[in-house]
PDB file of N, CA and C in Angstrom:
ATOM      1  N   UNK A   1      84.087 114.328  99.472  1.00  0.00           N
ATOM      2  CA  UNK A   1      84.843 113.103  99.283  1.00  0.00           C
ATOM      3  C   UNK A   1      85.225 112.564 100.663  1.00  0.00           C
ATOM      4  N   UNK A   2      84.725 111.385 100.975  1.00  0.00           N
ATOM      5  CA  UNK A   2      84.996 110.780 102.279  1.00  0.00           C
ATOM      6  C   UNK A   2      86.330 110.038 102.262  1.00  0.00           C
ATOM      7  N   UNK A   3      87.171 110.324 103.253  1.00  0.00           N
ATOM      8  CA  UNK A   3      88.459 109.649 103.392  1.00  0.00           C
ATOM      9  C   UNK A   3      88.281 108.464 104.335  1.00  0.00           C
ATOM     10  N   UNK A   4      88.872 107.319 103.964  1.00  0.00           N
ATOM     11  CA  UNK A   4      88.788 106.126 104.801  1.00  0.00           C
ATOM     12  C   UNK A   4      90.163 105.482 104.923  1.00  0.00           C
ATOM     13  N   UNK A   5      90.295 104.598 105.893  1.00  0.00           N
ATOM     14  CA  UNK A   5      91.532 103.848 106.115  1.00  0.00           C
ATOM     15  C   UNK A   5      91.159 102.389 106.324  1.00  0.00           C
ATOM     16  N   UNK A   6      91.837 101.496 105.604  1.00  0.00           N
ATOM     17  CA  UNK A   6      91.557 100.067 105.724  1.00  0.00           C
ATOM     18  C   UNK A   6      92.853  99.288 105.950  1.00  0.00           C
ATOM     19  N   UNK A   7      92.742  98.242 106.758  1.00  0.00           N
ATOM     20  CA  UNK A   7      93.837  97.312 107.036  1.00  0.00           C
ATOM     21  C   UNK A   7      93.525  96.030 106.272  1.00  0.00           C
ATOM     22  N   UNK A   8      94.492  95.520 105.504  1.00  0.00           N
ATOM     23  CA  UNK A   8      94.295  94.321 104.699  1.00  0.00           C
ATOM     24  C   UNK A   8      95.300  93.251 105.097  1.00  0.00           C
ATOM     25  N   UNK A   9      94.838  92.019 105.195  1.00  0.00           N
ATOM     26  CA  UNK A   9      95.696  90.840 105.331  1.00  0.00           C
ATOM     27  C   UNK A   9      95.375  89.943 104.143  1.00  0.00           C
ATOM     28  N   UNK A  10      96.364  89.752 103.276  1.00  0.00           N
ATOM     29  CA  UNK A  10      96.168  89.069 102.005  1.00  0.00           C
ATOM     30  C   UNK A  10      96.837  87.707 102.075  1.00  0.00           C
ATOM     31  N   UNK A  11      96.057  86.662 101.786  1.00  0.00           N
ATOM     32  CA  UNK A  11      96.548  85.286 101.916  1.00  0.00           C
ATOM     33  C   UNK A  11      96.532  84.600 100.558  1.00  0.00           C
ATOM     34  N   UNK A  12      97.506  83.734 100.343  1.00  0.00           N
ATOM     35  CA  UNK A  12      97.623  82.966  99.108  1.00  0.00           C
ATOM     36  C   UNK A  12      99.073  82.960  98.666  1.00  0.00           C
ATOM     37  N   UNK A  13      99.286  82.798  97.372  1.00  0.00           N
ATOM     38  CA  UNK A  13     100.646  82.889  96.832  1.00  0.00           C
ATOM     39  C   UNK A  13     100.900  84.371  96.554  1.00  0.00           C
ATOM     40  N   UNK A  14     101.355  85.061  97.593  1.00  0.00           N
ATOM     41  CA  UNK A  14     101.505  86.516  97.505  1.00  0.00           C
ATOM     42  C   UNK A  14     102.909  86.999  97.874  1.00  0.00           C
ATOM     43  N   UNK A  15     103.805  86.078  98.178  1.00  0.00           N
ATOM     44  CA  UNK A  15     105.197  86.455  98.427  1.00  0.00           C
ATOM     45  C   UNK A  15     106.063  85.838  97.337  1.00  0.00           C
ATOM     46  N   UNK A  16     107.101  86.572  96.940  1.00  0.00           N
ATOM     47  CA  UNK A  16     107.983  86.103  95.878  1.00  0.00           C
ATOM     48  C   UNK A  16     107.387  86.300  94.491  1.00  0.00           C
ATOM     49  N   UNK A  17     106.339  87.123  94.395  1.00  0.00           N
ATOM     50  CA  UNK A  17     105.675  87.372  93.110  1.00  0.00           C
ATOM     51  C   UNK A  17     105.545  88.880  92.835  1.00  0.00           C
ATOM     52  N   UNK A  18     106.330  89.686  93.544  1.00  0.00           N
ATOM     53  CA  UNK A  18     106.329  91.153  93.411  1.00  0.00           C
ATOM     54  C   UNK A  18     105.004  91.787  93.837  1.00  0.00           C
ATOM     55  N   UNK A  19     104.307  91.149  94.758  1.00  0.00           N
ATOM     56  CA  UNK A  19     103.026  91.686  95.217  1.00  0.00           C
ATOM     57  C   UNK A  19     103.210  93.050  95.883  1.00  0.00           C
ATOM     58  N   UNK A  20     104.182  93.165  96.785  1.00  0.00           N
ATOM     59  CA  UNK A  20     104.366  94.431  97.507  1.00  0.00           C
ATOM     60  C   UNK A  20     104.694  95.585  96.571  1.00  0.00           C
ATOM     61  N   UNK A  21     105.619  95.355  95.656  1.00  0.00           N
ATOM     62  CA  UNK A  21     106.041  96.423  94.749  1.00  0.00           C
ATOM     63  C   UNK A  21     104.890  96.849  93.843  1.00  0.00           C
ATOM     64  N   UNK A  22     104.153  95.889  93.311  1.00  0.00           N
ATOM     65  CA  UNK A  22     103.030  96.258  92.453  1.00  0.00           C
ATOM     66  C   UNK A  22     101.896  96.874  93.267  1.00  0.00           C
ATOM     67  N   UNK A  23     101.739  96.472  94.522  1.00  0.00           N
ATOM     68  CA  UNK A  23     100.739  97.110  95.390  1.00  0.00           C
ATOM     69  C   UNK A  23     101.112  98.573  95.616  1.00  0.00           C
ATOM     70  N   UNK A  24     102.392  98.836  95.836  1.00  0.00           N
ATOM     71  CA  UNK A  24     102.833 100.217  96.017  1.00  0.00           C
ATOM     72  C   UNK A  24     102.566 101.030  94.750  1.00  0.00           C
ATOM     73  N   UNK A  25     102.880 100.477  93.595  1.00  0.00           N
ATOM     74  CA  UNK A  25     102.636 101.166  92.327  1.00  0.00           C
ATOM     75  C   UNK A  25     101.153 101.464  92.145  1.00  0.00           C
ATOM     76  N   UNK A  26     100.306 100.486  92.435  1.00  0.00           N
ATOM     77  CA  UNK A  26      98.856 100.660  92.316  1.00  0.00           C
ATOM     78  C   UNK A  26      98.348 101.715  93.293  1.00  0.00           C
ATOM     79  N   UNK A  27      98.826 101.674  94.527  1.00  0.00           N
ATOM     80  CA  UNK A  27      98.387 102.643  95.536  1.00  0.00           C
ATOM     81  C   UNK A  27      98.778 104.065  95.139  1.00  0.00           C
ATOM     82  N   UNK A  28     100.002 104.240  94.680  1.00  0.00           N
ATOM     83  CA  UNK A  28     100.459 105.569  94.261  1.00  0.00           C
ATOM     84  C   UNK A  28      99.627 106.051  93.069  1.00  0.00           C
ATOM     85  N   UNK A  29      99.344 105.162  92.121  1.00  0.00           N
ATOM     86  CA  UNK A  29      98.521 105.531  90.963  1.00  0.00           C
ATOM     87  C   UNK A  29      97.121 105.971  91.386  1.00  0.00           C
ATOM     88  N   UNK A  30      96.608 105.395  92.481  1.00  0.00           N
ATOM     89  CA  UNK A  30      95.279 105.750  92.989  1.00  0.00           C
ATOM     90  C   UNK A  30      95.327 106.970  93.918  1.00  0.00           C
ATOM     91  N   UNK A  31      96.538 107.491  94.193  1.00  0.00           N
ATOM     92  CA  UNK A  31      96.674 108.648  95.078  1.00  0.00           C
ATOM     93  C   UNK A  31      96.513 108.305  96.547  1.00  0.00           C
ATOM     94  N   UNK A  32      96.844 107.068  96.921  1.00  0.00           N
ATOM     95  CA  UNK A  32      96.667 106.600  98.295  1.00  0.00           C
ATOM     96  C   UNK A  32      97.960 106.708  99.092  1.00  0.00           C
ATOM     97  N   UNK A  33      97.829 106.713 100.406  1.00  0.00           N
ATOM     98  CA  UNK A  33      98.971 106.647 101.307  1.00  0.00           C
ATOM     99  C   UNK A  33      98.816 105.413 102.181  1.00  0.00           C
ATOM    100  N   UNK A  34      99.905 105.057 102.872  1.00  0.00           N
ATOM    101  CA  UNK A  34      99.882 103.896 103.754  1.00  0.00           C
ATOM    102  C   UNK A  34     101.156 103.098 103.612  1.00  0.00           C
ATOM    103  N   UNK A  35     101.036 101.784 103.721  1.00  0.00           N
ATOM    104  CA  UNK A  35     102.220 100.929 103.645  1.00  0.00           C
ATOM    105  C   UNK A  35     101.820  99.491 103.316  1.00  0.00           C
ATOM    106  N   UNK A  36     102.827  98.695 102.933  1.00  0.00           N
ATOM    107  CA  UNK A  36     102.632  97.275 102.651  1.00  0.00           C
ATOM    108  C   UNK A  36     103.882  96.529 103.098  1.00  0.00           C
ATOM    109  N   UNK A  37     103.710  95.298 103.595  1.00  0.00           N
ATOM    110  CA  UNK A  37     104.858  94.488 104.009  1.00  0.00           C
ATOM    111  C   UNK A  37     104.508  93.008 103.934  1.00  0.00           C
ATOM    112  N   UNK A  38     105.546  92.181 103.816  1.00  0.00           N
ATOM    113  CA  UNK A  38     105.390  90.736 103.956  1.00  0.00           C
ATOM    114  C   UNK A  38     105.316  90.400 105.431  1.00  0.00           C
ATOM    115  N   UNK A  39     104.623  89.325 105.727  1.00  0.00           N
ATOM    116  CA  UNK A  39     104.586  88.800 107.094  1.00  0.00           C
ATOM    117  C   UNK A  39     105.264  87.434 107.089  1.00  0.00           C
ATOM    118  N   UNK A  40     105.847  87.079 108.211  1.00  0.00           N
ATOM    119  CA  UNK A  40     106.577  85.811 108.302  1.00  0.00           C
ATOM    120  C   UNK A  40     105.659  84.603 108.146  1.00  0.00           C
ATOM    121  N   UNK A  41     104.343  84.787 108.280  1.00  0.00           N
ATOM    122  CA  UNK A  41     103.406  83.670 108.107  1.00  0.00           C
ATOM    123  C   UNK A  41     102.991  83.469 106.648  1.00  0.00           C
ATOM    124  N   UNK A  42     103.601  84.220 105.721  1.00  0.00           N
ATOM    125  CA  UNK A  42     103.324  84.050 104.299  1.00  0.00           C
ATOM    126  C   UNK A  42     102.300  85.017 103.733  1.00  0.00           C
ATOM    127  N   UNK A  43     101.644  85.781 104.595  1.00  0.00           N
ATOM    128  CA  UNK A  43     100.662  86.748 104.105  1.00  0.00           C
ATOM    129  C   UNK A  43     101.336  88.080 103.783  1.00  0.00           C
ATOM    130  N   UNK A  44     100.603  88.934 103.100  1.00  0.00           N
ATOM    131  CA  UNK A  44     101.002  90.320 102.886  1.00  0.00           C
ATOM    132  C   UNK A  44     100.024  91.177 103.670  1.00  0.00           C
ATOM    133  N   UNK A  45     100.549  92.192 104.341  1.00  0.00           N
ATOM    134  CA  UNK A  45      99.734  93.097 105.152  1.00  0.00           C
ATOM    135  C   UNK A  45      99.851  94.502 104.574  1.00  0.00           C
ATOM    136  N   UNK A  46      98.742  95.233 104.564  1.00  0.00           N
ATOM    137  CA  UNK A  46      98.767  96.601 104.049  1.00  0.00           C
ATOM    138  C   UNK A  46      97.800  97.477 104.827  1.00  0.00           C
ATOM    139  N   UNK A  47      98.126  98.751 104.890  1.00  0.00           N
ATOM    140  CA  UNK A  47      97.218  99.784 105.379  1.00  0.00           C
ATOM    141  C   UNK A  47      97.092 100.791 104.250  1.00  0.00           C
ATOM    142  N   UNK A  48      95.847 101.116 103.905  1.00  0.00           N
ATOM    143  CA  UNK A  48      95.571 101.983 102.766  1.00  0.00           C
ATOM    144  C   UNK A  48      94.673 103.131 103.217  1.00  0.00           C
ATOM    145  N   UNK A  49      95.103 104.364 102.948  1.00  0.00           N
ATOM    146  CA  UNK A  49      94.359 105.574 103.328  1.00  0.00           C
ATOM    147  C   UNK A  49      94.053 106.394 102.084  1.00  0.00           C
ATOM    148  N   UNK A  50      92.855 106.955 102.028  1.00  0.00           N
ATOM    149  CA  UNK A  50      92.537 107.855 100.929  1.00  0.00           C
ATOM    150  C   UNK A  50      91.052 107.970 100.703  1.00  0.00           C
ATOM    151  N   UNK A  51      90.674 108.561  99.564  1.00  0.00           N
ATOM    152  CA  UNK A  51      89.262 108.683  99.228  1.00  0.00           C
ATOM    153  C   UNK A  51      88.611 107.298  99.118  1.00  0.00           C
ATOM    154  N   UNK A  52      87.379 107.195  99.580  1.00  0.00           N
ATOM    155  CA  UNK A  52      86.705 105.901  99.636  1.00  0.00           C
ATOM    156  C   UNK A  52      86.726 105.159  98.302  1.00  0.00           C
ATOM    157  N   UNK A  53      86.427 105.837  97.198  1.00  0.00           N
ATOM    158  CA  UNK A  53      86.398 105.150  95.901  1.00  0.00           C
ATOM    159  C   UNK A  53      87.770 104.613  95.515  1.00  0.00           C
ATOM    160  N   UNK A  54      88.827 105.362  95.808  1.00  0.00           N
ATOM    161  CA  UNK A  54      90.182 104.916  95.486  1.00  0.00           C
ATOM    162  C   UNK A  54      90.587 103.733  96.355  1.00  0.00           C
ATOM    163  N   UNK A  55      90.238 103.764  97.631  1.00  0.00           N
ATOM    164  CA  UNK A  55      90.547 102.635  98.521  1.00  0.00           C
ATOM    165  C   UNK A  55      89.803 101.392  98.048  1.00  0.00           C
ATOM    166  N   UNK A  56      88.538 101.545  97.680  1.00  0.00           N
ATOM    167  CA  UNK A  56      87.766 100.399  97.178  1.00  0.00           C
ATOM    168  C   UNK A  56      88.370  99.846  95.888  1.00  0.00           C
ATOM    169  N   UNK A  57      88.844 100.729  95.007  1.00  0.00           N
ATOM    170  CA  UNK A  57      89.494 100.285  93.771  1.00  0.00           C
ATOM    171  C   UNK A  57      90.776  99.516  94.083  1.00  0.00           C
ATOM    172  N   UNK A  58      91.539  99.984  95.074  1.00  0.00           N
ATOM    173  CA  UNK A  58      92.752  99.271  95.469  1.00  0.00           C
ATOM    174  C   UNK A  58      92.407  97.883  96.010  1.00  0.00           C
ATOM    175  N   UNK A  59      91.381  97.798  96.841  1.00  0.00           N
ATOM    176  CA  UNK A  59      90.977  96.498  97.393  1.00  0.00           C
ATOM    177  C   UNK A  59      90.551  95.562  96.267  1.00  0.00           C
ATOM    178  N   UNK A  60      89.821  96.074  95.284  1.00  0.00           N
ATOM    179  CA  UNK A  60      89.451  95.247  94.123  1.00  0.00           C
ATOM    180  C   UNK A  60      90.703  94.737  93.421  1.00  0.00           C
ATOM    181  N   UNK A  61      91.700  95.614  93.222  1.00  0.00           N
ATOM    182  CA  UNK A  61      92.955  95.200  92.603  1.00  0.00           C
ATOM    183  C   UNK A  61      93.645  94.131  93.459  1.00  0.00           C
ATOM    184  N   UNK A  62      93.619  94.303  94.776  1.00  0.00           N
ATOM    185  CA  UNK A  62      94.327  93.401  95.691  1.00  0.00           C
ATOM    186  C   UNK A  62      93.838  91.962  95.573  1.00  0.00           C
ATOM    187  N   UNK A  63      92.586  91.760  95.201  1.00  0.00           N
ATOM    188  CA  UNK A  63      92.057  90.402  95.040  1.00  0.00           C
ATOM    189  C   UNK A  63      92.712  89.663  93.876  1.00  0.00           C
ATOM    190  N   UNK A  64      93.357  90.410  92.969  1.00  0.00           N
ATOM    191  CA  UNK A  64      94.053  89.786  91.838  1.00  0.00           C
ATOM    192  C   UNK A  64      95.560  89.939  91.973  1.00  0.00           C
ATOM    193  N   UNK A  65      96.014  91.144  92.303  1.00  0.00           N
ATOM    194  CA  UNK A  65      97.443  91.392  92.447  1.00  0.00           C
ATOM    195  C   UNK A  65      98.177  91.258  91.129  1.00  0.00           C
ATOM    196  N   UNK A  66      99.490  91.075  91.180  1.00  0.00           N
ATOM    197  CA  UNK A  66     100.280  90.917  89.960  1.00  0.00           C
ATOM    198  C   UNK A  66      99.986  89.566  89.304  1.00  0.00           C
ATOM    199  N   UNK A  67     100.386  89.389  88.040  1.00  0.00           N
ATOM    200  CA  UNK A  67     100.030  88.169  87.306  1.00  0.00           C
ATOM    201  C   UNK A  67     100.425  86.853  87.983  1.00  0.00           C
ATOM    202  N   UNK A  68     101.574  86.800  88.658  1.00  0.00           N
ATOM    203  CA  UNK A  68     102.025  85.539  89.266  1.00  0.00           C
ATOM    204  C   UNK A  68     101.366  85.244  90.615  1.00  0.00           C
ATOM    205  N   UNK A  69     100.650  86.203  91.173  1.00  0.00           N
ATOM    206  CA  UNK A  69     100.003  86.006  92.483  1.00  0.00           C
ATOM    207  C   UNK A  69      98.755  85.142  92.338  1.00  0.00           C
ATOM    208  N   UNK A  70      98.426  84.447  93.421  1.00  0.00           N
ATOM    209  CA  UNK A  70      97.188  83.668  93.506  1.00  0.00           C
ATOM    210  C   UNK A  70      96.564  83.985  94.858  1.00  0.00           C
ATOM    211  N   UNK A  71      95.726  84.993  94.897  1.00  0.00           N
ATOM    212  CA  UNK A  71      95.108  85.440  96.145  1.00  0.00           C
ATOM    213  C   UNK A  71      93.980  84.488  96.512  1.00  0.00           C
ATOM    214  N   UNK A  72      94.028  83.961  97.735  1.00  0.00           N
ATOM    215  CA  UNK A  72      92.983  83.062  98.231  1.00  0.00           C
ATOM    216  C   UNK A  72      91.934  83.808  99.041  1.00  0.00           C
ATOM    217  N   UNK A  73      92.367  84.801  99.817  1.00  0.00           N
ATOM    218  CA  UNK A  73      91.437  85.509 100.690  1.00  0.00           C
ATOM    219  C   UNK A  73      92.061  86.821 101.143  1.00  0.00           C
ATOM    220  N   UNK A  74      91.207  87.797 101.425  1.00  0.00           N
ATOM    221  CA  UNK A  74      91.663  89.058 102.007  1.00  0.00           C
ATOM    222  C   UNK A  74      90.753  89.398 103.176  1.00  0.00           C
ATOM    223  N   UNK A  75      91.370  89.646 104.328  1.00  0.00           N
ATOM    224  CA  UNK A  75      90.637  90.167 105.483  1.00  0.00           C
ATOM    225  C   UNK A  75      90.761  91.687 105.429  1.00  0.00           C
ATOM    226  N   UNK A  76      89.635  92.368 105.404  1.00  0.00           N
ATOM    227  CA  UNK A  76      89.620  93.827 105.351  1.00  0.00           C
ATOM    228  C   UNK A  76      88.956  94.345 106.620  1.00  0.00           C
ATOM    229  N   UNK A  77      89.611  95.285 107.284  1.00  0.00           N
ATOM    230  CA  UNK A  77      89.060  95.872 108.508  1.00  0.00           C
ATOM    231  C   UNK A  77      89.287  97.380 108.496  1.00  0.00           C
ATOM    232  N   UNK A  78      88.421  98.101 109.194  1.00  0.00           N
ATOM    233  CA  UNK A  78      88.644  99.531 109.377  1.00  0.00           C
ATOM    234  C   UNK A  78      89.914  99.716 110.202  1.00  0.00           C
ATOM    235  N   UNK A  79      90.587 100.833 109.973  1.00  0.00           N
ATOM    236  CA  UNK A  79      91.831 101.113 110.690  1.00  0.00           C
ATOM    237  C   UNK A  79      91.896 102.597 111.028  1.00  0.00           C
ATOM    238  N   UNK A  80      92.609 102.918 112.086  1.00  0.00           N
ATOM    239  CA  UNK A  80      92.848 104.325 112.408  1.00  0.00           C
ATOM    240  C   UNK A  80      94.320 104.693 112.190  1.00  0.00           C
ATOM    241  N   UNK A  81      95.047 103.826 111.452  1.00  0.00           N
ATOM    242  CA  UNK A  81      96.469 104.050 111.155  1.00  0.00           C
ATOM    243  C   UNK A  81      96.580 104.994 109.949  1.00  0.00           C
ATOM    244  N   UNK A  82      96.099 106.202 110.111  1.00  0.00           N
ATOM    245  CA  UNK A  82      96.089 107.161 109.012  1.00  0.00           C
ATOM    246  C   UNK A  82      97.198 108.203 109.181  1.00  0.00           C
ATOM    247  N   UNK A  83      97.600 109.052 108.828  1.00  0.00           N
ATOM    248  CA  UNK A  83      98.696 109.958 109.085  1.00  0.00           C
ATOM    249  C   UNK A  83      99.925 109.715 108.247  1.00  0.00           C
ATOM    250  N   UNK A  84      99.801 108.989 107.163  1.00  0.00           N
ATOM    251  CA  UNK A  84     100.963 108.714 106.300  1.00  0.00           C
ATOM    252  C   UNK A  84     101.014 109.752 105.179  1.00  0.00           C
ATOM    253  N   UNK A  85     102.223 110.143 104.792  1.00  0.00           N
ATOM    254  CA  UNK A  85     102.365 111.135 103.724  1.00  0.00           C
ATOM    255  C   UNK A  85     102.673 110.496 102.373  1.00  0.00           C
ATOM    256  N   UNK A  86     102.950 109.194 102.369  1.00  0.00           N
ATOM    257  CA  UNK A  86     103.263 108.469 101.133  1.00  0.00           C
ATOM    258  C   UNK A  86     102.859 107.013 101.314  1.00  0.00           C
ATOM    259  N   UNK A  87     103.049 106.211 100.274  1.00  0.00           N
ATOM    260  CA  UNK A  87     102.794 104.777 100.385  1.00  0.00           C
ATOM    261  C   UNK A  87     104.150 104.084 100.366  1.00  0.00           C
ATOM    262  N   UNK A  88     104.498 103.408 101.463  1.00  0.00           N
ATOM    263  CA  UNK A  88     105.846 102.865 101.618  1.00  0.00           C
ATOM    264  C   UNK A  88     105.860 101.345 101.723  1.00  0.00           C
ATOM    265  N   UNK A  89     107.036 100.793 101.439  1.00  0.00           N
ATOM    266  CA  UNK A  89     107.301  99.371 101.652  1.00  0.00           C
ATOM    267  C   UNK A  89     107.925  99.237 103.030  1.00  0.00           C
ATOM    268  N   UNK A  90     107.396  98.345 103.840  1.00  0.00           N
ATOM    269  CA  UNK A  90     107.946  98.119 105.181  1.00  0.00           C
ATOM    270  C   UNK A  90     108.654  96.772 105.233  1.00  0.00           C
ATOM    271  N   UNK A  91     109.525  96.635 106.224  1.00  0.00           N
ATOM    272  CA  UNK A  91     110.256  95.386 106.428  1.00  0.00           C
ATOM    273  C   UNK A  91     109.297  94.284 106.876  1.00  0.00           C
ATOM    274  N   UNK A  92     109.672  93.050 106.596  1.00  0.00           N
ATOM    275  CA  UNK A  92     108.875  91.889 106.988  1.00  0.00           C
ATOM    276  C   UNK A  92     108.673  91.856 108.492  1.00  0.00           C
ATOM    277  N   UNK A  93     107.475  91.508 108.903  1.00  0.00           N
ATOM    278  CA  UNK A  93     107.139  91.391 110.328  1.00  0.00           C
ATOM    279  C   UNK A  93     107.105  89.931 110.706  1.00  0.00           C
TER     280      UNK A  93
END
């Protein structure tokens, strides 16, 4: 099982719709670690670590998010920010 780490920048109507909390719930359900936070520019940022299939499933979920979200685009990049023991909510950047 290959472990991977991805950095996501999610754009659209993704703040004020419980995106971060539901992202945390989804990540924990997939057995992933990392973090998620709002950004002052209106995007949501996340780092997701775990088995490749679980990370890919999370990214697929991220394109839809919670029911009130309207995701326009997601930038996905490889990341070396791995070393997390849980999936946490971070303060807005």
